[in-house]
Amino acid sequence: MAETGTTTTVRTRRKVREGIVVSDKMQKTVIVQVLDVKPHPLYKKVVRRSRRYKADDPQGQAGVGDRVRITETRPLSKEKRWRIAEILEKAR
């Protein structure tokens, strides 16, 4: 049984990360540091790894120290592939 004229594209879920804004010096862009804490596969010692993502912030609402949730998106520039979904907690 062949389908006629219908194409279905399967869209995968976008990755979501939570992190802290460490720089807001650029226009419409912030740098978000995401901390990944997990046990070492063999030795079971807890290992902390951090990664910095450039995230789109078109209104410029996020500031340094804010906890934010970022979601994966299409490439917006050479290194920017994430967008701020929401600000979870403002810095004090």
Protein backbone atom coordinates (compact mmCIF):
# COMPACT_ATOMS: atom_id res chain seq x y z
CA MET A 1 0.00 0.00 0.00
CA ALA A 2 1.66 3.21 -1.18
CA GLU A 3 0.99 6.67 0.20
CA THR A 4 0.02 9.26 -2.33
CA GLY A 5 1.34 12.78 -1.96
CA THR A 6 1.76 12.78 1.82
CA THR A 7 5.12 13.18 3.46
CA THR A 8 5.58 12.93 7.19
CA THR A 9 8.66 14.30 8.88
CA VAL A 10 9.53 12.94 12.27
CA ARG A 11 10.79 15.68 14.56
CA THR A 12 12.88 14.59 17.49
CA ARG A 13 12.62 16.19 20.91
CA ARG A 14 14.89 19.16 21.40
CA LYS A 15 17.55 18.94 24.07
CA VAL A 16 16.96 20.99 27.21
CA ARG A 17 19.63 22.11 29.70
CA GLU A 18 19.65 24.17 32.89
CA GLY A 19 22.52 26.42 33.79
CA ILE A 20 23.74 29.74 35.12
CA VAL A 21 24.42 32.82 33.00
CA VAL A 22 28.12 33.66 33.33
CA SER A 23 28.34 36.47 30.74
CA ASP A 24 25.87 38.91 29.19
CA LYS A 25 28.33 41.28 27.51
CA MET A 26 27.15 40.50 23.97
CA GLN A 27 24.04 41.92 22.33
CA LYS A 28 21.17 39.39 22.23
CA THR A 29 23.49 36.59 23.41
CA VAL A 30 24.40 35.19 26.81
CA ILE A 31 26.86 32.49 27.82
CA VAL A 32 25.29 29.78 29.98
CA GLN A 33 27.44 27.40 32.01
CA VAL A 34 25.84 23.98 32.47
CA LEU A 35 27.16 21.74 35.24
CA ASP A 36 26.99 17.98 34.68
CA VAL A 37 27.44 15.85 37.80
CA LYS A 38 27.62 12.08 37.38
CA PRO A 39 29.57 9.14 38.82
CA HIS A 40 32.62 7.81 37.02
CA PRO A 41 31.64 4.58 35.19
CA LEU A 42 34.36 2.45 36.79
CA TYR A 43 35.44 4.16 40.01
CA LYS A 44 32.03 5.63 41.01
CA LYS A 45 33.59 8.88 42.21
CA VAL A 46 31.36 11.85 41.43
CA VAL A 47 32.85 13.83 38.55
CA ARG A 48 31.81 17.42 37.79
CA ARG A 49 32.03 18.63 34.21
CA SER A 50 30.96 22.04 33.02
CA ARG A 51 30.21 23.22 29.52
CA ARG A 52 29.53 26.72 28.23
CA TYR A 53 26.83 27.34 25.64
CA LYS A 54 26.08 30.54 23.74
CA ALA A 55 22.33 31.10 23.96
CA ASP A 56 20.05 33.55 22.17
CA ASP A 57 18.43 36.20 24.40
CA PRO A 58 16.64 38.58 21.99
CA GLN A 59 15.10 40.84 24.68
CA GLY A 60 18.24 40.91 26.82
CA GLN A 61 16.33 39.88 29.96
CA ALA A 62 18.88 37.44 31.41
CA GLY A 63 21.70 38.78 33.55
CA VAL A 64 24.82 37.33 35.13
CA GLY A 65 23.95 34.85 37.89
CA ASP A 66 20.46 34.00 36.64
CA ARG A 67 19.42 30.34 36.49
CA VAL A 68 17.96 29.66 33.04
CA ARG A 69 16.59 26.80 30.97
CA ILE A 70 17.91 26.65 27.40
CA THR A 71 16.60 24.60 24.47
CA GLU A 72 18.35 23.45 21.34
CA THR A 73 17.43 25.28 18.15
CA ARG A 74 18.60 25.71 14.58
CA PRO A 75 22.00 27.37 14.10
CA LEU A 76 21.58 31.10 14.72
CA SER A 77 25.24 32.03 14.16
CA LYS A 78 28.63 30.34 13.98
CA GLU A 79 28.53 29.10 17.60
CA LYS A 80 24.98 29.89 18.77
CA ARG A 81 22.65 26.87 18.69
CA TRP A 82 20.63 27.38 21.89
CA ARG A 83 17.81 29.70 22.91
CA ILE A 84 16.68 30.76 26.38
CA ALA A 85 13.36 29.07 27.07
CA GLU A 86 12.75 30.63 30.49
CA ILE A 87 14.46 32.34 33.38
CA LEU A 88 14.03 30.07 36.40
CA GLU A 89 15.55 32.31 39.06
CA LYS A 90 16.88 35.86 38.93
CA ALA A 91 20.22 36.63 40.58
CA ARG A 92 20.09 38.46 43.90
